[in-house]
Amino acid sequence: MNPGGPTNTEYSLIGPGFAAFVAFFVLAIALYFLVRSMNGHLRRVAWQQRAEEEAQAALEAGTTEEQRQPRS
């Protein structure tokens, strides 16, 4: 659909341009760092939860961390 009619070829030459490319690139970089940060936070939460579960299991079993690990 060409608003200038079939003889207007300038309308078909207009594109998003360099500014749109830069904006898209900046958003892609921001998304990369956001996902990277989220993965780090999720790993930390999973590690803390695992440590709490192990501590709770040790308390229920009546052992402590020092008793489970041999001394060198």
PDB file of N, CA and C in Angstrom:
ATOM      1  N   MET A   1       0.854  -1.168   0.000  1.00  0.00           N
ATOM      2  CA  MET A   1       0.000   0.000   0.000  1.00  0.00           C
ATOM      3  C   MET A   1       0.899   1.229   0.000  1.00  0.00           C
ATOM      4  N   ASN A   2       0.928   1.908  -1.076  1.00  0.00           N
ATOM      5  CA  ASN A   2       1.764   3.078  -1.253  1.00  0.00           C
ATOM      6  C   ASN A   2       0.868   4.322  -1.240  1.00  0.00           C
ATOM      7  N   PRO A   3       0.956   5.169  -0.182  1.00  0.00           N
ATOM      8  CA  PRO A   3       0.060   6.319  -0.092  1.00  0.00           C
ATOM      9  C   PRO A   3       0.264   7.343  -1.200  1.00  0.00           C
ATOM     10  N   GLY A   4       1.423   7.377  -1.783  1.00  0.00           N
ATOM     11  CA  GLY A   4       1.691   8.352  -2.844  1.00  0.00           C
ATOM     12  C   GLY A   4       1.265   7.880  -4.219  1.00  0.00           C
ATOM     13  N   GLY A   5       0.694   6.711  -4.296  1.00  0.00           N
ATOM     14  CA  GLY A   5       0.298   6.162  -5.589  1.00  0.00           C
ATOM     15  C   GLY A   5       1.394   5.307  -6.172  1.00  0.00           C
ATOM     16  N   PRO A   6       1.132   4.701  -7.311  1.00  0.00           N
ATOM     17  CA  PRO A   6       2.117   3.786  -7.910  1.00  0.00           C
ATOM     18  C   PRO A   6       3.369   4.495  -8.417  1.00  0.00           C
ATOM     19  N   THR A   7       3.316   5.800  -8.602  1.00  0.00           N
ATOM     20  CA  THR A   7       4.490   6.507  -9.131  1.00  0.00           C
ATOM     21  C   THR A   7       5.422   6.993  -8.024  1.00  0.00           C
ATOM     22  N   ASN A   8       4.994   6.961  -6.757  1.00  0.00           N
ATOM     23  CA  ASN A   8       5.829   7.439  -5.646  1.00  0.00           C
ATOM     24  C   ASN A   8       6.732   6.303  -5.175  1.00  0.00           C
ATOM     25  N   THR A   9       7.996   6.321  -5.574  1.00  0.00           N
ATOM     26  CA  THR A   9       8.931   5.258  -5.195  1.00  0.00           C
ATOM     27  C   THR A   9       9.697   5.592  -3.928  1.00  0.00           C
ATOM     28  N   GLU A  10       9.651   6.855  -3.492  1.00  0.00           N
ATOM     29  CA  GLU A  10      10.368   7.239  -2.277  1.00  0.00           C
ATOM     30  C   GLU A  10       9.787   6.577  -1.027  1.00  0.00           C
ATOM     31  N   TYR A  11       8.480   6.338  -1.013  1.00  0.00           N
ATOM     32  CA  TYR A  11       7.837   5.736   0.154  1.00  0.00           C
ATOM     33  C   TYR A  11       8.373   4.337   0.416  1.00  0.00           C
ATOM     34  N   SER A  12       8.657   3.584  -0.618  1.00  0.00           N
ATOM     35  CA  SER A  12       9.156   2.220  -0.439  1.00  0.00           C
ATOM     36  C   SER A  12      10.618   2.201  -0.010  1.00  0.00           C
ATOM     37  N   LEU A  13      11.337   3.316  -0.115  1.00  0.00           N
ATOM     38  CA  LEU A  13      12.732   3.371   0.277  1.00  0.00           C
ATOM     39  C   LEU A  13      12.911   3.713   1.751  1.00  0.00           C
ATOM     40  N   ILE A  14      11.862   4.159   2.417  1.00  0.00           N
ATOM     41  CA  ILE A  14      11.952   4.544   3.816  1.00  0.00           C
ATOM     42  C   ILE A  14      11.994   3.280   4.671  1.00  0.00           C
ATOM     43  N   GLY A  15      12.948   3.226   5.591  1.00  0.00           N
ATOM     44  CA  GLY A  15      13.085   2.076   6.483  1.00  0.00           C
ATOM     45  C   GLY A  15      13.286   2.537   7.909  1.00  0.00           C
ATOM     46  N   PRO A  16      13.440   1.603   8.804  1.00  0.00           N
ATOM     47  CA  PRO A  16      13.614   1.967  10.201  1.00  0.00           C
ATOM     48  C   PRO A  16      14.912   2.729  10.457  1.00  0.00           C
ATOM     49  N   GLY A  17      15.943   2.475   9.709  1.00  0.00           N
ATOM     50  CA  GLY A  17      17.162   3.249   9.801  1.00  0.00           C
ATOM     51  C   GLY A  17      18.121   2.783  10.886  1.00  0.00           C
ATOM     52  N   PHE A  18      19.163   3.550  11.005  1.00  0.00           N
ATOM     53  CA  PHE A  18      20.246   3.221  11.929  1.00  0.00           C
ATOM     54  C   PHE A  18      19.808   3.368  13.382  1.00  0.00           C
ATOM     55  N   ALA A  19      18.986   4.354  13.686  1.00  0.00           N
ATOM     56  CA  ALA A  19      18.533   4.572  15.064  1.00  0.00           C
ATOM     57  C   ALA A  19      17.750   3.367  15.585  1.00  0.00           C
ATOM     58  N   ALA A  20      16.931   2.768  14.750  1.00  0.00           N
ATOM     59  CA  ALA A  20      16.176   1.583  15.164  1.00  0.00           C
ATOM     60  C   ALA A  20      17.118   0.407  15.404  1.00  0.00           C
ATOM     61  N   PHE A  21      18.134   0.279  14.578  1.00  0.00           N
ATOM     62  CA  PHE A  21      19.109  -0.782  14.782  1.00  0.00           C
ATOM     63  C   PHE A  21      19.828  -0.603  16.111  1.00  0.00           C
ATOM     64  N   VAL A  22      20.246   0.615  16.417  1.00  0.00           N
ATOM     65  CA  VAL A  22      20.942   0.891  17.672  1.00  0.00           C
ATOM     66  C   VAL A  22      20.024   0.609  18.859  1.00  0.00           C
ATOM     67  N   ALA A  23      18.769   1.043  18.770  1.00  0.00           N
ATOM     68  CA  ALA A  23      17.820   0.805  19.857  1.00  0.00           C
ATOM     69  C   ALA A  23      17.612  -0.696  20.073  1.00  0.00           C
ATOM     70  N   PHE A  24      17.459  -1.445  18.999  1.00  0.00           N
ATOM     71  CA  PHE A  24      17.279  -2.892  19.094  1.00  0.00           C
ATOM     72  C   PHE A  24      18.522  -3.553  19.688  1.00  0.00           C
ATOM     73  N   PHE A  25      19.697  -3.108  19.282  1.00  0.00           N
ATOM     74  CA  PHE A  25      20.950  -3.664  19.778  1.00  0.00           C
ATOM     75  C   PHE A  25      21.100  -3.395  21.269  1.00  0.00           C
ATOM     76  N   VAL A  26      20.780  -2.185  21.713  1.00  0.00           N
ATOM     77  CA  VAL A  26      20.871  -1.842  23.133  1.00  0.00           C
ATOM     78  C   VAL A  26      19.898  -2.698  23.941  1.00  0.00           C
ATOM     79  N   LEU A  27      18.689  -2.897  23.433  1.00  0.00           N
ATOM     80  CA  LEU A  27      17.723  -3.753  24.133  1.00  0.00           C
ATOM     81  C   LEU A  27      18.211  -5.199  24.206  1.00  0.00           C
ATOM     82  N   ALA A  28      18.833  -5.680  23.149  1.00  0.00           N
ATOM     83  CA  ALA A  28      19.357  -7.050  23.149  1.00  0.00           C
ATOM     84  C   ALA A  28      20.478  -7.206  24.174  1.00  0.00           C
ATOM     85  N   ILE A  29      21.357  -6.226  24.262  1.00  0.00           N
ATOM     86  CA  ILE A  29      22.449  -6.271  25.246  1.00  0.00           C
ATOM     87  C   ILE A  29      21.873  -6.219  26.663  1.00  0.00           C
ATOM     88  N   ALA A  30      20.892  -5.356  26.887  1.00  0.00           N
ATOM     89  CA  ALA A  30      20.263  -5.260  28.211  1.00  0.00           C
ATOM     90  C   ALA A  30      19.591  -6.583  28.582  1.00  0.00           C
ATOM     91  N   LEU A  31      18.936  -7.224  27.623  1.00  0.00           N
ATOM     92  CA  LEU A  31      18.291  -8.508  27.880  1.00  0.00           C
ATOM     93  C   LEU A  31      19.324  -9.569  28.235  1.00  0.00           C
ATOM     94  N   TYR A  32      20.470  -9.572  27.569  1.00  0.00           N
ATOM     95  CA  TYR A  32      21.525 -10.530  27.865  1.00  0.00           C
ATOM     96  C   TYR A  32      21.981 -10.397  29.323  1.00  0.00           C
ATOM     97  N   PHE A  33      22.256  -9.151  29.747  1.00  0.00           N
ATOM     98  CA  PHE A  33      22.723  -8.947  31.119  1.00  0.00           C
ATOM     99  C   PHE A  33      21.627  -9.238  32.137  1.00  0.00           C
ATOM    100  N   LEU A  34      20.380  -8.965  31.801  1.00  0.00           N
ATOM    101  CA  LEU A  34      19.267  -9.271  32.695  1.00  0.00           C
ATOM    102  C   LEU A  34      19.131 -10.779  32.904  1.00  0.00           C
ATOM    103  N   VAL A  35      19.210 -11.551  31.839  1.00  0.00           N
ATOM    104  CA  VAL A  35      19.109 -13.010  31.939  1.00  0.00           C
ATOM    105  C   VAL A  35      20.313 -13.569  32.691  1.00  0.00           C
ATOM    106  N   ARG A  36      21.485 -13.019  32.435  1.00  0.00           N
ATOM    107  CA  ARG A  36      22.694 -13.470  33.148  1.00  0.00           C
ATOM    108  C   ARG A  36      22.571 -13.219  34.648  1.00  0.00           C
ATOM    109  N   SER A  37      22.067 -12.059  35.016  1.00  0.00           N
ATOM    110  CA  SER A  37      21.886 -11.733  36.427  1.00  0.00           C
ATOM    111  C   SER A  37      20.829 -12.635  37.063  1.00  0.00           C
ATOM    112  N   MET A  38      19.746 -12.886  36.336  1.00  0.00           N
ATOM    113  CA  MET A  38      18.680 -13.739  36.857  1.00  0.00           C
ATOM    114  C   MET A  38      19.203 -15.155  37.107  1.00  0.00           C
ATOM    115  N   ASN A  39      20.009 -15.673  36.196  1.00  0.00           N
ATOM    116  CA  ASN A  39      20.567 -17.015  36.387  1.00  0.00           C
ATOM    117  C   ASN A  39      21.441 -17.071  37.634  1.00  0.00           C
ATOM    118  N   GLY A  40      22.236 -16.047  37.858  1.00  0.00           N
ATOM    119  CA  GLY A  40      23.065 -16.003  39.060  1.00  0.00           C
ATOM    120  C   GLY A  40      22.235 -15.980  40.327  1.00  0.00           C
ATOM    121  N   HIS A  41      21.177 -15.185  40.336  1.00  0.00           N
ATOM    122  CA  HIS A  41      20.312 -15.119  41.519  1.00  0.00           C
ATOM    123  C   HIS A  41      19.592 -16.442  41.758  1.00  0.00           C
ATOM    124  N   LEU A  42      19.120 -17.079  40.695  1.00  0.00           N
ATOM    125  CA  LEU A  42      18.433 -18.364  40.856  1.00  0.00           C
ATOM    126  C   LEU A  42      19.385 -19.442  41.357  1.00  0.00           C
ATOM    127  N   ARG A  43      20.636 -19.428  40.875  1.00  0.00           N
ATOM    128  CA  ARG A  43      21.623 -20.385  41.376  1.00  0.00           C
ATOM    129  C   ARG A  43      21.875 -20.175  42.856  1.00  0.00           C
ATOM    130  N   ARG A  44      21.987 -18.911  43.266  1.00  0.00           N
ATOM    131  CA  ARG A  44      22.249 -18.599  44.671  1.00  0.00           C
ATOM    132  C   ARG A  44      21.078 -19.039  45.544  1.00  0.00           C
ATOM    133  N   VAL A  45      19.862 -18.816  45.083  1.00  0.00           N
ATOM    134  CA  VAL A  45      18.687 -19.220  45.852  1.00  0.00           C
ATOM    135  C   VAL A  45      18.635 -20.742  45.962  1.00  0.00           C
ATOM    136  N   ALA A  46      18.915 -21.447  44.875  1.00  0.00           N
ATOM    137  CA  ALA A  46      18.895 -22.910  44.899  1.00  0.00           C
ATOM    138  C   ALA A  46      19.974 -23.440  45.845  1.00  0.00           C
ATOM    139  N   TRP A  47      21.146 -22.814  45.838  1.00  0.00           N
ATOM    140  CA  TRP A  47      22.228 -23.255  46.724  1.00  0.00           C
ATOM    141  C   TRP A  47      21.856 -23.031  48.182  1.00  0.00           C
ATOM    142  N   GLN A  48      21.277 -21.877  48.494  1.00  0.00           N
ATOM    143  CA  GLN A  48      20.880 -21.585  49.870  1.00  0.00           C
ATOM    144  C   GLN A  48      19.789 -22.551  50.333  1.00  0.00           C
ATOM    145  N   GLN A  49      18.850 -22.841  49.448  1.00  0.00           N
ATOM    146  CA  GLN A  49      17.774 -23.763  49.809  1.00  0.00           C
ATOM    147  C   GLN A  49      18.339 -25.163  50.057  1.00  0.00           C
ATOM    148  N   ARG A  50      19.264 -25.591  49.217  1.00  0.00           N
ATOM    149  CA  ARG A  50      19.874 -26.908  49.393  1.00  0.00           C
ATOM    150  C   ARG A  50      20.639 -26.972  50.710  1.00  0.00           C
ATOM    151  N   ALA A  51      21.363 -25.902  51.051  1.00  0.00           N
ATOM    152  CA  ALA A  51      22.120 -25.870  52.301  1.00  0.00           C
ATOM    153  C   ALA A  51      21.178 -25.905  53.504  1.00  0.00           C
ATOM    154  N   GLU A  52      20.063 -25.190  53.422  1.00  0.00           N
ATOM    155  CA  GLU A  52      19.094 -25.210  54.517  1.00  0.00           C
ATOM    156  C   GLU A  52      18.467 -26.592  54.679  1.00  0.00           C
ATOM    157  N   GLU A  53      18.168 -27.265  53.570  1.00  0.00           N
ATOM    158  CA  GLU A  53      17.598 -28.611  53.638  1.00  0.00           C
ATOM    159  C   GLU A  53      18.599 -29.591  54.252  1.00  0.00           C
ATOM    160  N   GLU A  54      19.872 -29.481  53.883  1.00  0.00           N
ATOM    161  CA  GLU A  54      20.889 -30.363  54.453  1.00  0.00           C
ATOM    162  C   GLU A  54      21.059 -30.102  55.948  1.00  0.00           C
ATOM    163  N   ALA A  55      21.011 -28.833  56.347  1.00  0.00           N
ATOM    164  CA  ALA A  55      21.131 -28.504  57.768  1.00  0.00           C
ATOM    165  C   ALA A  55      19.939 -29.035  58.545  1.00  0.00           C
ATOM    166  N   GLN A  56      18.762 -28.928  57.970  1.00  0.00           N
ATOM    167  CA  GLN A  56      17.564 -29.445  58.632  1.00  0.00           C
ATOM    168  C   GLN A  56      17.623 -30.963  58.739  1.00  0.00           C
ATOM    169  N   ALA A  57      18.091 -31.623  57.683  1.00  0.00           N
ATOM    170  CA  ALA A  57      18.213 -33.082  57.721  1.00  0.00           C
ATOM    171  C   ALA A  57      19.238 -33.502  58.768  1.00  0.00           C
ATOM    172  N   ALA A  58      20.319 -32.737  58.907  1.00  0.00           N
ATOM    173  CA  ALA A  58      21.337 -33.055  59.908  1.00  0.00           C
ATOM    174  C   ALA A  58      20.779 -32.878  61.318  1.00  0.00           C
ATOM    175  N   LEU A  59      19.987 -31.844  61.521  1.00  0.00           N
ATOM    176  CA  LEU A  59      19.377 -31.640  62.834  1.00  0.00           C
ATOM    177  C   LEU A  59      18.420 -32.772  63.185  1.00  0.00           C
ATOM    178  N   GLU A  60      17.658 -33.202  62.193  1.00  0.00           N
ATOM    179  CA  GLU A  60      16.721 -34.302  62.432  1.00  0.00           C
ATOM    180  C   GLU A  60      17.457 -35.605  62.713  1.00  0.00           C
ATOM    181  N   ALA A  61      18.603 -35.786  62.087  1.00  0.00           N
ATOM    182  CA  ALA A  61      19.374 -37.011  62.283  1.00  0.00           C
ATOM    183  C   ALA A  61      20.221 -36.936  63.557  1.00  0.00           C
ATOM    184  N   GLY A  62      20.342 -35.749  64.129  1.00  0.00           N
ATOM    185  CA  GLY A  62      21.096 -35.597  65.363  1.00  0.00           C
ATOM    186  C   GLY A  62      22.578 -35.428  65.149  1.00  0.00           C
ATOM    187  N   THR A  63      22.997 -35.092  63.945  1.00  0.00           N
ATOM    188  CA  THR A  63      24.417 -34.870  63.682  1.00  0.00           C
ATOM    189  C   THR A  63      24.633 -33.411  63.340  1.00  0.00           C
ATOM    190  N   THR A  64      25.867 -32.982  63.491  1.00  0.00           N
ATOM    191  CA  THR A  64      26.234 -31.621  63.113  1.00  0.00           C
ATOM    192  C   THR A  64      27.190 -31.669  61.943  1.00  0.00           C
ATOM    193  N   GLU A  65      27.475 -30.536  61.372  1.00  0.00           N
ATOM    194  CA  GLU A  65      28.382 -30.462  60.231  1.00  0.00           C
ATOM    195  C   GLU A  65      29.763 -30.971  60.596  1.00  0.00           C
ATOM    196  N   GLU A  66      30.242 -30.688  61.805  1.00  0.00           N
ATOM    197  CA  GLU A  66      31.573 -31.125  62.204  1.00  0.00           C
ATOM    198  C   GLU A  66      31.642 -32.643  62.335  1.00  0.00           C
ATOM    199  N   GLN A  67      30.565 -33.277  62.761  1.00  0.00           N
ATOM    200  CA  GLN A  67      30.561 -34.724  62.931  1.00  0.00           C
ATOM    201  C   GLN A  67      30.529 -35.445  61.587  1.00  0.00           C
ATOM    202  N   ARG A  68      29.932 -34.819  60.577  1.00  0.00           N
ATOM    203  CA  ARG A  68      29.830 -35.481  59.281  1.00  0.00           C
ATOM    204  C   ARG A  68      31.131 -35.402  58.489  1.00  0.00           C
ATOM    205  N   GLN A  69      31.921 -34.359  58.674  1.00  0.00           N
ATOM    206  CA  GLN A  69      33.144 -34.187  57.894  1.00  0.00           C
ATOM    207  C   GLN A  69      34.340 -34.691  58.691  1.00  0.00           C
ATOM    208  N   PRO A  70      35.143 -35.583  58.087  1.00  0.00           N
ATOM    209  CA  PRO A  70      36.340 -36.072  58.796  1.00  0.00           C
ATOM    210  C   PRO A  70      37.371 -34.969  58.897  1.00  0.00           C
ATOM    211  N   ARG A  71      38.109 -34.987  60.002  1.00  0.00           N
ATOM    212  CA  ARG A  71      39.170 -33.989  60.200  1.00  0.00           C
ATOM    213  C   ARG A  71      40.452 -34.504  59.570  1.00  0.00           C
ATOM    214  N   SER A  72      41.205 -33.567  59.005  1.00  0.00           N
ATOM    215  CA  SER A  72      42.462 -33.982  58.364  1.00  0.00           C
ATOM    216  C   SER A  72      43.663 -33.571  59.155  1.00  0.00           C
TER     217      SER A  72
END
